[in-house]
Amino acid sequence: MANIVLSEEQLQRIINKLKPINEDADGNKMAKQQLFTIATLAYKMWESLEENGDMDDWMESKIAQAEQSITSVVKAYFYDEFVEGDKGMGKLNFDDLVIGQ
């Protein structure tokens, strides 16, 4: 697996953007930890896959299911945030929301 090399400045920018989990006032500590794990592991796997790498069918199926699940949660989360913010749906089209590309 390839190593990721960051300059001190890049690392500091990443750290500054991260909000410590214990500062989350909404009680989403577990969800934030799980999302971080999903994102980290998915990125590492994405990096390690060769262009036409072999993957078992069951693995591809689980990845497809996970993508559908995460996409559903993200769309619902942003819909709730948008509606609760009293902004109305406006021109926002959640079917056009593309994640991961």
N, C-alpha and C. Protein backbone atom coordinates (compact mmCIF):
# COMPACT_ATOMS: atom_id res chain seq x y z
N MET A 1 0.85 -1.18 0.00
CA MET A 1 0.00 0.00 0.00
C MET A 1 0.89 1.24 0.00
N ALA A 2 0.50 2.21 -0.77
CA ALA A 2 1.29 3.43 -0.88
C ALA A 2 1.14 4.29 0.37
N ASN A 3 2.21 5.00 0.69
CA ASN A 3 2.16 5.94 1.81
C ASN A 3 1.66 7.28 1.32
N ILE A 4 0.95 7.97 2.17
CA ILE A 4 0.46 9.30 1.86
C ILE A 4 1.42 10.29 2.51
N VAL A 5 1.94 11.20 1.73
CA VAL A 5 2.90 12.17 2.25
C VAL A 5 2.22 13.54 2.28
N LEU A 6 2.23 14.15 3.46
CA LEU A 6 1.66 15.48 3.65
C LEU A 6 2.73 16.40 4.20
N SER A 7 2.67 17.63 3.77
CA SER A 7 3.56 18.61 4.39
C SER A 7 2.95 19.00 5.74
N GLU A 8 3.75 19.63 6.58
CA GLU A 8 3.24 20.08 7.88
C GLU A 8 2.09 21.07 7.69
N GLU A 9 2.21 21.92 6.68
CA GLU A 9 1.16 22.90 6.40
C GLU A 9 -0.14 22.22 6.00
N GLN A 10 -0.06 21.19 5.15
CA GLN A 10 -1.26 20.47 4.73
C GLN A 10 -1.90 19.77 5.93
N LEU A 11 -1.08 19.15 6.76
CA LEU A 11 -1.60 18.47 7.94
C LEU A 11 -2.27 19.47 8.88
N GLN A 12 -1.67 20.63 9.07
CA GLN A 12 -2.26 21.64 9.94
C GLN A 12 -3.61 22.12 9.40
N ARG A 13 -3.71 22.28 8.08
CA ARG A 13 -4.99 22.69 7.48
C ARG A 13 -6.07 21.64 7.72
N ILE A 14 -5.70 20.37 7.61
CA ILE A 14 -6.66 19.30 7.86
C ILE A 14 -7.09 19.31 9.31
N ILE A 15 -6.14 19.44 10.22
CA ILE A 15 -6.44 19.46 11.66
C ILE A 15 -7.35 20.64 11.99
N ASN A 16 -7.08 21.80 11.39
CA ASN A 16 -7.89 22.99 11.68
C ASN A 16 -9.33 22.83 11.20
N LYS A 17 -9.54 22.03 10.16
CA LYS A 17 -10.88 21.82 9.64
C LYS A 17 -11.67 20.80 10.45
N LEU A 18 -10.97 19.93 11.17
CA LEU A 18 -11.63 18.90 11.95
C LEU A 18 -12.15 19.46 13.25
N LYS A 19 -13.36 19.10 13.56
CA LYS A 19 -13.95 19.48 14.84
C LYS A 19 -13.80 18.27 15.76
N PRO A 20 -13.17 18.42 16.89
CA PRO A 20 -13.02 17.27 17.78
C PRO A 20 -14.36 16.61 18.09
N ILE A 21 -14.37 15.30 18.12
CA ILE A 21 -15.62 14.55 18.32
C ILE A 21 -16.29 14.93 19.63
N ASN A 22 -15.53 15.18 20.69
CA ASN A 22 -16.14 15.48 21.98
C ASN A 22 -16.77 16.87 22.03
N GLU A 23 -16.59 17.68 21.00
CA GLU A 23 -17.21 19.01 20.97
C GLU A 23 -18.55 19.00 20.27
N ASP A 24 -19.00 17.85 19.79
CA ASP A 24 -20.26 17.76 19.06
C ASP A 24 -21.43 17.90 20.03
N ALA A 25 -22.16 18.98 19.93
CA ALA A 25 -23.25 19.26 20.85
C ALA A 25 -24.51 18.45 20.53
N ASP A 26 -24.58 17.85 19.35
CA ASP A 26 -25.78 17.14 18.95
C ASP A 26 -25.80 15.68 19.38
N GLY A 27 -24.76 15.22 20.03
CA GLY A 27 -24.73 13.84 20.49
C GLY A 27 -24.49 12.83 19.38
N ASN A 28 -23.81 13.24 18.33
CA ASN A 28 -23.57 12.37 17.18
C ASN A 28 -22.19 11.74 17.21
N LYS A 29 -21.64 11.54 18.38
CA LYS A 29 -20.27 11.04 18.50
C LYS A 29 -20.09 9.71 17.78
N MET A 30 -20.98 8.75 18.01
CA MET A 30 -20.85 7.43 17.41
C MET A 30 -20.96 7.52 15.89
N ALA A 31 -21.92 8.27 15.39
CA ALA A 31 -22.10 8.39 13.95
C ALA A 31 -20.88 9.04 13.30
N LYS A 32 -20.32 10.04 13.97
CA LYS A 32 -19.14 10.70 13.41
C LYS A 32 -17.95 9.75 13.37
N GLN A 33 -17.78 8.95 14.41
CA GLN A 33 -16.70 7.97 14.42
C GLN A 33 -16.90 6.94 13.31
N GLN A 34 -18.12 6.48 13.14
CA GLN A 34 -18.41 5.48 12.11
C GLN A 34 -18.20 6.06 10.72
N LEU A 35 -18.64 7.29 10.49
CA LEU A 35 -18.44 7.92 9.18
C LEU A 35 -16.96 8.10 8.89
N PHE A 36 -16.19 8.46 9.91
CA PHE A 36 -14.75 8.61 9.72
C PHE A 36 -14.12 7.28 9.34
N THR A 37 -14.52 6.21 10.01
CA THR A 37 -14.00 4.88 9.70
C THR A 37 -14.37 4.46 8.29
N ILE A 38 -15.63 4.67 7.91
CA ILE A 38 -16.07 4.32 6.56
C ILE A 38 -15.27 5.09 5.53
N ALA A 39 -15.13 6.40 5.73
CA ALA A 39 -14.41 7.23 4.76
C ALA A 39 -12.94 6.82 4.66
N THR A 40 -12.31 6.57 5.78
CA THR A 40 -10.90 6.20 5.79
C THR A 40 -10.66 4.85 5.11
N LEU A 41 -11.45 3.85 5.49
CA LEU A 41 -11.27 2.52 4.91
C LEU A 41 -11.62 2.51 3.43
N ALA A 42 -12.68 3.23 3.06
CA ALA A 42 -13.06 3.28 1.64
C ALA A 42 -11.97 3.94 0.81
N TYR A 43 -11.38 5.00 1.35
CA TYR A 43 -10.31 5.68 0.62
C TYR A 43 -9.08 4.79 0.47
N LYS A 44 -8.73 4.08 1.53
CA LYS A 44 -7.57 3.18 1.46
C LYS A 44 -7.82 2.07 0.45
N MET A 45 -9.02 1.53 0.43
CA MET A 45 -9.33 0.48 -0.53
C MET A 45 -9.34 1.04 -1.95
N TRP A 46 -9.91 2.22 -2.11
CA TRP A 46 -9.94 2.86 -3.42
C TRP A 46 -8.53 3.07 -3.96
N GLU A 47 -7.63 3.50 -3.08
CA GLU A 47 -6.24 3.71 -3.47
C GLU A 47 -5.56 2.40 -3.89
N SER A 48 -5.90 1.32 -3.22
CA SER A 48 -5.18 0.07 -3.46
C SER A 48 -5.72 -0.72 -4.65
N LEU A 49 -6.92 -0.41 -5.09
CA LEU A 49 -7.48 -1.14 -6.22
C LEU A 49 -6.77 -0.76 -7.51
N GLU A 50 -6.41 -1.75 -8.25
CA GLU A 50 -5.84 -1.48 -9.56
C GLU A 50 -6.99 -1.16 -10.50
N GLU A 51 -6.65 -0.60 -11.65
CA GLU A 51 -7.68 -0.19 -12.60
C GLU A 51 -8.68 -1.31 -12.89
N ASN A 52 -8.20 -2.48 -13.15
CA ASN A 52 -9.07 -3.63 -13.42
C ASN A 52 -8.82 -4.73 -12.40
N GLY A 53 -8.68 -4.35 -11.16
CA GLY A 53 -8.38 -5.31 -10.11
C GLY A 53 -9.49 -6.33 -9.92
N ASP A 54 -9.09 -7.53 -9.54
CA ASP A 54 -10.06 -8.58 -9.26
C ASP A 54 -10.72 -8.35 -7.92
N MET A 55 -12.03 -8.49 -7.92
CA MET A 55 -12.79 -8.37 -6.68
C MET A 55 -13.92 -9.39 -6.77
N ASP A 56 -14.14 -10.11 -5.69
CA ASP A 56 -15.22 -11.09 -5.68
C ASP A 56 -16.56 -10.40 -5.88
N ASP A 57 -17.49 -11.14 -6.47
CA ASP A 57 -18.82 -10.59 -6.72
C ASP A 57 -19.50 -10.14 -5.44
N TRP A 58 -19.32 -10.90 -4.36
CA TRP A 58 -19.99 -10.54 -3.12
C TRP A 58 -19.45 -9.21 -2.58
N MET A 59 -18.15 -8.95 -2.83
CA MET A 59 -17.55 -7.69 -2.39
C MET A 59 -18.17 -6.51 -3.14
N GLU A 60 -18.28 -6.67 -4.46
CA GLU A 60 -18.89 -5.61 -5.28
C GLU A 60 -20.32 -5.36 -4.85
N SER A 61 -21.04 -6.43 -4.54
CA SER A 61 -22.43 -6.31 -4.10
C SER A 61 -22.53 -5.54 -2.78
N LYS A 62 -21.66 -5.86 -1.84
CA LYS A 62 -21.67 -5.16 -0.54
C LYS A 62 -21.32 -3.68 -0.71
N ILE A 63 -20.38 -3.38 -1.61
CA ILE A 63 -20.02 -1.98 -1.86
C ILE A 63 -21.21 -1.24 -2.46
N ALA A 64 -21.91 -1.88 -3.40
CA ALA A 64 -23.09 -1.25 -4.01
C ALA A 64 -24.17 -0.99 -2.98
N GLN A 65 -24.39 -1.96 -2.08
CA GLN A 65 -25.38 -1.78 -1.01
C GLN A 65 -24.98 -0.65 -0.07
N ALA A 66 -23.70 -0.60 0.27
CA ALA A 66 -23.22 0.47 1.16
C ALA A 66 -23.39 1.83 0.50
N GLU A 67 -23.09 1.92 -0.79
CA GLU A 67 -23.27 3.19 -1.50
C GLU A 67 -24.72 3.64 -1.47
N GLN A 68 -25.64 2.70 -1.72
CA GLN A 68 -27.06 3.05 -1.69
C GLN A 68 -27.49 3.50 -0.29
N SER A 69 -27.00 2.81 0.73
CA SER A 69 -27.37 3.16 2.10
C SER A 69 -26.84 4.54 2.48
N ILE A 70 -25.57 4.78 2.21
CA ILE A 70 -24.97 6.08 2.55
C ILE A 70 -25.66 7.19 1.76
N THR A 71 -25.91 6.97 0.48
CA THR A 71 -26.58 7.98 -0.35
C THR A 71 -27.95 8.31 0.21
N SER A 72 -28.71 7.30 0.63
CA SER A 72 -30.04 7.54 1.21
C SER A 72 -29.94 8.38 2.48
N VAL A 73 -28.99 8.04 3.34
CA VAL A 73 -28.83 8.78 4.60
C VAL A 73 -28.42 10.22 4.32
N VAL A 74 -27.46 10.41 3.41
CA VAL A 74 -26.97 11.77 3.11
C VAL A 74 -28.09 12.61 2.53
N LYS A 75 -28.85 12.06 1.60
CA LYS A 75 -29.96 12.83 1.00
C LYS A 75 -31.00 13.20 2.06
N ALA A 76 -31.34 12.26 2.93
CA ALA A 76 -32.32 12.54 3.98
C ALA A 76 -31.78 13.57 4.96
N TYR A 77 -30.51 13.44 5.32
CA TYR A 77 -29.89 14.38 6.26
C TYR A 77 -29.91 15.80 5.69
N PHE A 78 -29.48 15.95 4.44
CA PHE A 78 -29.44 17.27 3.86
C PHE A 78 -30.84 17.81 3.60
N TYR A 79 -31.79 16.94 3.30
CA TYR A 79 -33.17 17.38 3.14
C TYR A 79 -33.69 17.94 4.45
N ASP A 80 -33.46 17.18 5.54
CA ASP A 80 -33.91 17.64 6.86
C ASP A 80 -33.25 18.96 7.24
N GLU A 81 -31.94 19.07 7.00
CA GLU A 81 -31.23 20.31 7.31
C GLU A 81 -31.81 21.48 6.52
N PHE A 82 -32.13 21.23 5.27
CA PHE A 82 -32.63 22.29 4.39
C PHE A 82 -34.03 22.72 4.80
N VAL A 83 -34.90 21.74 5.09
CA VAL A 83 -36.29 22.04 5.46
C VAL A 83 -36.35 22.66 6.85
N GLU A 84 -35.60 22.11 7.81
CA GLU A 84 -35.62 22.64 9.17
C GLU A 84 -35.05 24.04 9.23
N GLY A 85 -34.20 24.37 8.27
CA GLY A 85 -33.64 25.71 8.20
C GLY A 85 -34.62 26.71 7.64
N ASP A 86 -35.85 26.24 7.35
CA ASP A 86 -36.91 27.10 6.84
C ASP A 86 -36.50 27.76 5.52
N LYS A 87 -35.77 27.02 4.71
CA LYS A 87 -35.31 27.57 3.43
C LYS A 87 -36.15 27.06 2.27
N GLY A 88 -37.00 26.06 2.50
CA GLY A 88 -37.77 25.49 1.41
C GLY A 88 -36.87 24.72 0.47
N MET A 89 -37.46 23.99 -0.42
CA MET A 89 -36.66 23.17 -1.32
C MET A 89 -36.04 23.97 -2.46
N GLY A 90 -36.64 25.07 -2.83
CA GLY A 90 -36.05 25.92 -3.86
C GLY A 90 -35.66 25.13 -5.10
N LYS A 91 -34.47 25.37 -5.58
CA LYS A 91 -33.99 24.72 -6.79
C LYS A 91 -33.17 23.47 -6.49
N LEU A 92 -33.07 23.07 -5.23
CA LEU A 92 -32.25 21.93 -4.85
C LEU A 92 -32.90 20.64 -5.31
N ASN A 93 -32.17 19.84 -6.10
CA ASN A 93 -32.66 18.56 -6.60
C ASN A 93 -31.78 17.45 -6.04
N PHE A 94 -32.31 16.69 -5.10
CA PHE A 94 -31.52 15.67 -4.43
C PHE A 94 -31.20 14.49 -5.34
N ASP A 95 -31.97 14.31 -6.40
CA ASP A 95 -31.66 13.24 -7.34
C ASP A 95 -30.39 13.54 -8.12
N ASP A 96 -30.00 14.81 -8.17
CA ASP A 96 -28.79 15.21 -8.87
C ASP A 96 -27.57 15.23 -7.95
N LEU A 97 -27.78 14.93 -6.68
CA LEU A 97 -26.67 14.92 -5.73
C LEU A 97 -25.74 13.78 -6.05
N VAL A 98 -24.51 14.09 -6.40
CA VAL A 98 -23.53 13.08 -6.75
C VAL A 98 -22.50 13.01 -5.64
N ILE A 99 -22.27 11.82 -5.16
CA ILE A 99 -21.34 11.63 -4.05
C ILE A 99 -20.21 10.73 -4.53
N GLY A 100 -18.99 11.18 -4.32
CA GLY A 100 -17.83 10.35 -4.61
C GLY A 100 -17.28 10.44 -6.00
N GLN A 101 -17.71 11.42 -6.77
CA GLN A 101 -17.17 11.56 -8.13
C GLN A 101 -16.65 12.95 -8.34
